[in-house]
């Protein structure tokens, strides 16, 4: 339990003026050292002040109390008892203020928790929205009629590793799926390369490590638009990737 949680209830009582004895002294010592609790106490006191203003009325004339006591002294005792019993409702505004104050304190604390929950949900929602948008991009690529589909295969290997690249040059979008790839030594990974049709140097597309079934993928890497591909190739590189292919080429497929 944090110090703020430990003193939370006592702060409410302190703001109401109901905290006494050693608990009050301990809280005052904590407030002298904790800026966060001082800010919370200030907010609680502000809420209490607003509630107090809401129940204030005009002050009675200076002699009203004396005249009231004099009139009560002249009343018969039986009638006085009856009137005292009938005046219990005068305490209702005071009780209502205390109840409203406690409710405001609870709601103030709950609002803080709700704000934190809302911030977390918005963050999670943003992450989910990014995943949905990525899935839409992949689906659009897979169903695009102008997408280029390339199969990369290796010879003299069983089971035969295979890669499928679906590439849309106009958008610079690409999905690559690998199957039957062998496991690699530690700190090694497969890297996919795009060989430009212009004859320029191979462009690194992305690295991947196959799972236990030999499957892997490279999804929607960052590629320039309108980059025409002559072929795609796979090499084995450090797991952080390389800027130029390391021979030999494991798989290759022409676009």
Foldseek 3Di string as FASTA:
>chain_A
DDPCVVCLVVLLCVLVVNDDDPNVVVVVVVVVPDPVSVVVSVVLNVVLVVLVVVPDDDDDDPCPVVVVVVVLVPDDPVVSVVVVVVCPCVCVVVVVSVVVSVVVSVVVVVVVVVVVVVVVVVVVVVVVVVVVVLVVVVVCQVPPPQWDWKKKWAPPDPVTKIKIWTADQQVRFIKMKIFPADADDPQKWKWKWFQFPVRDAIATFDTWGADPRRIIMDGGGDGDHNGHGQKMWMAMDGRVDDGHGDDDTGIMIGD
